[in-house]
Protein backbone atom coordinates (compact mmCIF):
# COMPACT_ATOMS: atom_id res chain seq x y z
CA MET A 1 26.71 25.91 -70.54
CA LYS A 2 27.70 22.30 -70.55
CA GLY A 3 28.02 22.37 -66.76
CA VAL A 4 24.55 23.87 -66.45
CA LYS A 5 23.08 21.21 -68.75
CA LEU A 6 24.75 18.44 -66.75
CA ARG A 7 23.37 19.82 -63.49
CA MET A 8 19.90 20.09 -65.05
CA ARG A 9 20.09 16.49 -66.23
CA SER A 10 21.12 15.30 -62.77
CA ASN A 11 18.35 17.23 -60.99
CA PRO A 12 15.56 14.71 -61.76
CA GLY A 13 17.54 11.95 -60.10
CA ALA A 14 18.32 14.11 -57.06
CA ALA A 15 14.67 15.14 -56.78
CA ALA A 16 13.56 11.51 -56.94
CA LYS A 17 16.06 10.62 -54.23
CA ARG A 18 14.75 13.42 -52.03
CA ARG A 19 11.21 12.18 -52.59
CA ARG A 20 12.22 8.65 -51.60
CA ILE A 21 13.93 9.92 -48.45
CA THR A 22 10.89 12.04 -47.58
CA LEU A 23 8.57 9.07 -48.11
CA GLN A 24 10.76 6.88 -45.92
CA CYS A 25 10.66 9.51 -43.17
CA TYR A 26 6.87 9.72 -43.33
CA LEU A 27 6.57 5.93 -43.26
CA MET A 28 8.82 5.74 -40.20
CA LEU A 29 6.74 8.42 -38.45
CA ALA A 30 3.40 6.94 -39.52
CA LEU A 31 3.25 4.14 -36.94
CA PRO A 32 3.89 6.29 -33.82
CA ILE A 33 1.59 9.04 -35.16
CA ILE A 34 -1.21 6.55 -35.81
CA GLY A 35 -0.64 5.00 -32.38
CA TYR A 36 -0.79 8.45 -30.75
CA LEU A 37 -4.03 9.31 -32.56
CA VAL A 38 -5.68 5.97 -31.84
CA PHE A 39 -4.52 5.36 -28.27
CA THR A 40 -4.26 8.94 -26.95
CA VAL A 41 -6.21 11.52 -28.93
CA TYR A 42 -9.26 9.36 -29.66
CA PRO A 43 -9.73 8.14 -26.04
CA VAL A 44 -9.45 11.73 -24.77
CA LEU A 45 -12.08 12.96 -27.24
CA TRP A 46 -14.27 9.93 -26.45
CA THR A 47 -14.01 10.71 -22.73
CA PHE A 48 -14.96 14.37 -23.16
CA ALA A 49 -17.90 13.43 -25.40
CA TRP A 50 -19.40 10.84 -23.03
CA SER A 51 -18.86 13.03 -19.96
CA LEU A 52 -21.99 14.93 -21.05
CA TYR A 53 -24.13 11.78 -20.92
CA SER A 54 -25.62 9.45 -18.37
CA TYR A 55 -23.94 6.40 -19.82
CA ASN A 56 -23.27 2.94 -18.41
CA GLY A 57 -21.69 1.25 -21.41
CA VAL A 58 -24.95 0.49 -23.22
CA ALA A 59 -25.40 3.05 -25.97
CA VAL A 60 -29.20 2.70 -26.19
CA ASN A 61 -29.49 3.67 -22.52
CA ALA A 62 -27.39 6.81 -22.92
CA ARG A 63 -29.11 10.06 -21.97
CA PHE A 64 -27.74 13.55 -22.54
CA VAL A 65 -27.41 15.38 -19.22
CA GLY A 66 -25.14 18.27 -20.18
CA TRP A 67 -23.01 19.53 -17.29
CA GLU A 68 -24.86 17.55 -14.63
CA ASN A 69 -22.01 15.06 -14.11
CA PHE A 70 -19.56 17.90 -13.54
CA ALA A 71 -21.94 19.72 -11.18
CA THR A 72 -22.42 16.57 -9.09
CA MET A 73 -18.68 15.98 -8.89
CA LEU A 74 -17.90 19.56 -7.90
CA THR A 75 -20.70 20.08 -5.37
CA LYS A 76 -21.68 16.69 -3.93
CA ASP A 77 -19.04 14.01 -4.46
CA PHE A 78 -16.02 14.96 -2.36
CA THR A 79 -14.40 11.50 -2.45
CA TYR A 80 -12.71 12.40 -5.72
CA TRP A 81 -11.11 15.47 -4.15
CA ARG A 82 -9.96 13.47 -1.12
CA MET A 83 -8.18 11.13 -3.55
CA TRP A 84 -6.51 14.19 -5.04
CA GLY A 85 -5.34 15.03 -1.53
CA ASN A 86 -3.83 11.53 -1.23
CA THR A 87 -2.09 11.95 -4.57
CA LEU A 88 -0.58 15.33 -3.69
CA LEU A 89 0.50 13.98 -0.30
CA MET A 90 2.30 11.08 -1.97
CA ALA A 91 4.01 13.54 -4.32
CA VAL A 92 5.20 15.62 -1.36
CA MET A 93 6.46 12.48 0.41
CA LYS A 94 8.06 10.87 -2.64
CA MET A 95 9.63 13.49 -4.87
CA PRO A 96 12.07 15.23 -2.47
CA VAL A 97 13.48 11.91 -1.25
CA GLU A 98 13.60 10.33 -4.70
CA LEU A 99 15.20 13.25 -6.53
CA SER A 100 17.69 14.04 -3.77
CA ALA A 101 18.83 10.42 -3.54
CA ALA A 102 18.99 10.12 -7.34
CA MET A 103 21.15 13.24 -7.55
CA ILE A 104 23.54 12.04 -4.84
CA LEU A 105 23.91 8.62 -6.44
CA ALA A 106 24.33 10.10 -9.93
CA VAL A 107 27.15 12.34 -8.68
CA ILE A 108 28.85 9.37 -7.01
CA LEU A 109 28.54 7.17 -10.11
CA SER A 110 29.81 9.95 -12.40
CA ARG A 111 33.07 10.03 -10.44
CA ARG A 112 33.62 6.27 -10.41
CA GLY A 113 35.50 4.18 -12.92
CA LYS A 114 34.66 0.87 -14.53
CA ALA A 115 32.42 -0.33 -11.70
CA SER A 116 29.90 2.45 -12.40
CA GLY A 117 28.52 0.58 -15.43
CA PHE A 118 27.55 -2.36 -13.22
CA PHE A 119 25.90 -0.12 -10.63
CA ARG A 120 24.00 1.77 -13.33
CA SER A 121 22.44 -1.50 -14.46
CA VAL A 122 21.64 -2.55 -10.89
CA TYR A 123 19.83 0.68 -10.04
CA TYR A 124 17.93 0.70 -13.34
CA LEU A 125 16.60 -2.86 -13.00
CA PRO A 126 13.58 -1.96 -10.78
CA SER A 127 12.34 0.34 -13.55
CA VAL A 128 11.95 -2.55 -16.01
CA ILE A 129 10.29 -4.94 -13.56
CA SER A 130 6.56 -5.48 -13.92
CA ILE A 131 4.35 -3.48 -11.55
CA ALA A 132 2.72 -6.74 -10.49
CA VAL A 133 6.11 -8.05 -9.36
CA VAL A 134 6.86 -4.78 -7.55
CA GLY A 135 3.53 -5.02 -5.74
CA LEU A 136 4.20 -8.64 -4.78
CA VAL A 137 7.67 -7.83 -3.47
CA PHE A 138 6.51 -4.92 -1.32
CA SER A 139 3.39 -6.68 -0.10
CA ASN A 140 5.70 -9.37 1.28
CA LEU A 141 8.08 -6.78 2.72
CA PHE A 142 5.25 -4.92 4.49
CA SER A 143 3.15 -7.95 5.46
CA TYR A 144 2.35 -8.59 9.13
CA PHE A 145 5.22 -11.09 9.44
CA GLY A 146 7.28 -9.45 6.72
CA VAL A 147 10.88 -8.29 6.50
CA PHE A 148 10.34 -4.70 7.67
CA ASN A 149 8.52 -5.72 10.83
CA GLY A 150 11.25 -8.23 11.59
CA ILE A 151 14.02 -5.64 11.14
CA LEU A 152 12.23 -3.00 13.21
CA MET A 153 11.59 -5.47 16.03
CA ARG A 154 15.24 -6.56 16.10
CA LEU A 155 16.33 -2.93 16.26
CA GLY A 156 13.92 -2.30 19.10
CA VAL A 157 11.94 0.33 17.18
CA ILE A 158 8.66 -1.56 17.66
CA GLU A 159 7.63 -4.13 20.25
CA ALA A 160 5.05 -5.99 18.16
CA GLU A 161 4.27 -6.48 14.48
CA VAL A 162 2.67 -3.52 12.70
CA ASP A 163 -0.17 -3.92 10.21
CA TRP A 164 1.09 -1.54 7.54
CA PHE A 165 -2.20 -1.53 5.67
CA SER A 166 -4.43 -0.82 8.67
CA SER A 167 -4.10 2.97 8.52
CA LYS A 168 -4.00 5.56 5.79
CA ALA A 169 -0.64 7.02 6.87
CA LEU A 170 1.13 3.65 6.91
CA SER A 171 -0.41 2.60 3.59
CA LEU A 172 0.72 5.81 1.92
CA THR A 173 4.19 5.30 3.40
CA ALA A 174 4.39 1.81 1.91
CA LEU A 175 3.18 3.13 -1.46
CA THR A 176 5.73 5.94 -1.37
CA LEU A 177 8.63 3.59 -0.67
CA ALA A 178 7.49 1.20 -3.42
CA GLY A 179 7.17 4.10 -5.88
CA ILE A 180 10.64 5.41 -5.04
CA TRP A 181 12.18 1.97 -5.54
CA ASN A 182 10.36 1.48 -8.85
CA THR A 183 11.23 4.82 -10.50
CA PHE A 184 14.48 5.71 -8.75
CA GLY A 185 16.74 4.18 -11.42
CA VAL A 186 15.24 6.18 -14.29
CA ASN A 187 16.02 9.47 -12.57
CA VAL A 188 19.55 8.29 -11.82
CA MET A 189 20.12 7.51 -15.51
CA TYR A 190 18.82 10.90 -16.68
CA LEU A 191 20.90 12.83 -14.15
CA LEU A 192 23.96 10.69 -14.77
CA ALA A 193 23.75 11.41 -18.50
CA ALA A 194 23.52 15.13 -17.75
CA LEU A 195 26.50 15.03 -15.40
CA THR A 196 28.56 13.15 -17.96
CA ASN A 197 28.08 15.98 -20.46
CA VAL A 198 29.49 18.65 -18.13
CA PRO A 199 32.94 19.61 -19.52
CA ALA A 200 35.83 18.48 -17.33
CA GLU A 201 37.61 21.77 -18.02
CA VAL A 202 35.03 23.61 -15.92
CA TYR A 203 35.84 21.48 -12.88
CA GLU A 204 39.56 21.88 -13.50
CA SER A 205 39.22 25.66 -13.54
CA ALA A 206 37.19 25.59 -10.35
CA ALA A 207 39.83 23.43 -8.67
CA LEU A 208 42.57 25.87 -9.68
CA ASP A 209 40.53 28.70 -8.17
CA GLY A 210 40.27 26.77 -4.91
CA ALA A 211 36.49 26.28 -4.99
CA SER A 212 35.08 23.90 -2.40
CA GLY A 213 33.04 20.83 -3.29
CA GLY A 214 29.77 22.47 -2.23
CA ALA A 215 30.49 25.59 -4.24
CA VAL A 216 31.32 23.52 -7.32
CA PHE A 217 28.10 21.56 -7.01
CA PHE A 218 25.73 24.49 -6.43
CA ARG A 219 27.47 27.07 -8.66
CA ILE A 220 28.65 24.88 -11.54
CA THR A 221 27.06 21.43 -11.61
CA LEU A 222 23.44 22.35 -10.86
CA PRO A 223 23.26 25.33 -13.26
CA MET A 224 24.80 23.27 -16.09
CA ILE A 225 22.42 20.34 -15.68
CA ALA A 226 19.43 22.56 -14.88
CA PRO A 227 17.55 21.88 -18.18
CA VAL A 228 17.76 18.12 -17.66
CA PHE A 229 16.91 18.42 -13.97
CA ARG A 230 13.79 20.45 -14.77
CA THR A 231 12.70 17.76 -17.25
CA VAL A 232 13.33 15.03 -14.67
CA LEU A 233 11.35 17.02 -12.12
CA LEU A 234 8.41 17.41 -14.52
CA LEU A 235 8.43 13.71 -15.43
CA SER A 236 8.60 12.76 -11.75
CA LEU A 237 5.73 15.12 -10.93
CA ILE A 238 3.44 13.83 -13.69
CA GLY A 239 4.41 10.23 -12.98
CA THR A 240 3.65 10.59 -9.27
CA LEU A 241 0.33 12.34 -9.86
CA SER A 242 -0.74 9.66 -12.35
CA VAL A 243 0.32 6.70 -10.17
CA ASN A 244 -2.20 3.90 -10.62
CA GLU A 245 -1.15 0.27 -10.95
CA ILE A 246 1.10 0.09 -7.89
CA VAL A 247 -1.79 1.29 -5.70
CA LEU A 248 -4.17 -1.33 -7.08
CA VAL A 249 -1.62 -4.11 -6.70
CA LEU A 250 -0.14 -3.19 -3.31
CA THR A 251 -2.96 -1.76 -1.18
CA ASN A 252 -6.06 -1.70 -3.39
CA GLY A 253 -7.12 1.34 -1.38
CA ALA A 254 -6.69 -0.26 2.05
CA PRO A 255 -7.87 0.56 4.59
CA GLY A 256 -11.39 1.04 3.28
CA GLY A 257 -10.42 2.93 0.13
CA GLN A 258 -8.47 5.60 2.01
CA SER A 259 -5.15 5.12 0.19
CA PHE A 260 -6.36 5.41 -3.40
CA SER A 261 -4.66 7.90 -5.68
CA VAL A 262 -6.88 9.82 -8.06
CA MET A 263 -6.07 7.57 -11.03
CA SER A 264 -6.42 4.32 -9.10
CA TYR A 265 -9.73 5.58 -7.68
CA LEU A 266 -11.05 6.23 -11.19
CA THR A 267 -9.84 2.83 -12.37
CA ARG A 268 -11.28 0.97 -9.38
CA GLN A 269 -14.67 2.68 -9.45
CA PHE A 270 -15.44 3.22 -13.13
CA VAL A 271 -13.44 0.83 -15.32
CA PRO A 272 -15.44 -2.32 -16.18
CA GLY A 273 -13.86 -5.40 -14.64
CA PHE A 274 -12.54 -3.64 -11.53
CA ILE A 275 -15.77 -2.89 -9.70
CA SER A 276 -17.01 -5.62 -7.37
CA SER A 277 -20.75 -5.10 -7.89
CA HIS A 278 -22.74 -6.68 -10.68
CA ASN A 279 -24.16 -3.33 -11.80
CA LEU A 280 -22.78 -1.57 -14.83
CA PRO A 281 -20.42 1.28 -13.87
CA PRO A 282 -21.58 4.87 -14.42
CA LEU A 283 -19.12 5.47 -17.24
CA GLY A 284 -20.49 8.90 -18.07
CA TYR A 285 -19.79 10.13 -14.57
CA GLY A 286 -16.36 8.49 -14.65
CA CYS A 287 -15.65 10.22 -17.97
CA ALA A 288 -16.47 13.57 -16.37
CA MET A 289 -13.97 12.85 -13.59
CA SER A 290 -11.37 11.74 -16.12
CA ALA A 291 -11.91 14.91 -18.14
CA VAL A 292 -11.40 17.09 -15.08
CA THR A 293 -8.30 15.07 -14.15
CA THR A 294 -6.86 15.55 -17.64
CA VAL A 295 -7.44 19.30 -17.46
CA LEU A 296 -5.85 19.50 -13.99
CA PHE A 297 -2.81 17.56 -15.20
CA ALA A 298 -2.48 19.95 -18.14
CA VAL A 299 -2.80 22.97 -15.84
CA ILE A 300 -0.13 21.63 -13.48
CA ALA A 301 2.25 20.94 -16.38
CA PHE A 302 1.57 24.39 -17.85
CA VAL A 303 2.13 26.18 -14.54
CA TYR A 304 5.34 24.24 -13.99
CA SER A 305 6.57 25.10 -17.49
CA ARG A 306 5.82 28.78 -16.98
CA VAL A 307 7.50 28.87 -13.58
CA SER A 308 10.59 27.03 -14.81
CA GLY A 309 10.74 29.28 -17.88
CA THR A 310 10.60 32.37 -15.65
CA MET A 311 13.42 30.96 -13.50
CA ASP A 312 15.44 30.42 -16.68
CA GLU A 313 15.01 34.05 -17.72
CA ASN A 314 16.01 35.31 -14.27
CA THR A 315 19.16 33.21 -14.21
């Protein structure tokens, strides 16, 4: 009985401690939750609400038009869908090269010794550099008298300087290379962390069985890092589809707006401060495009999750 009474007397203190810990947890979570609600949820709801209006930023001039903005975008304005084509083309050009190179480098670094820490930092540096700096670097590299033209002329690949921003294909190539350089290090770090967590005993058993390097990689390494690789693939896909700032800084749609991605097109045409005319931008119509873009992003992510989940079940 005495033991029971002692435990009962100590319970109020333990309960108070649990309440303090719970309060501390909620306080720590409050800031990111508030930030998510204010800077993510509210703008999305605001966008969907104003997509039903003819709205140019002046509330008194707003006029409810229902689904008219969506109907115009789907049946008359095909520029938006051409920008989607550019975005998907950049994803096809960028992701296979970026992920393959990141995987190869991560495997090499995982097998190195002390020097790997230095190389990890070197390859991650482009990911922390400002997009404005990345755009400046690559605009100089791809300029008419830039480094790339000089190298190609010395190698005899071209006979005269090439204007990299004079055609859609060359502009998209420059954007793809800049995007790979900017995000390459992040993928290397993710994959390197996954490779580090693979037990060494598995490789030792494979070596004793006489497995070749290719067999070890495809039958052991890839299956064991598959969850991380799928996450990296999803992040790379969403990041490539939502590419924006690098396009505005490097090409600004050159030539003639043909190299815009879907997000940079929306920013350039409908965000106040980016349009060159003195007229107020049709924000309601831009909100309709942004709403459709958000839905398409969600659909792509959902389809990818379902497909990757099905592959998980089959394996």
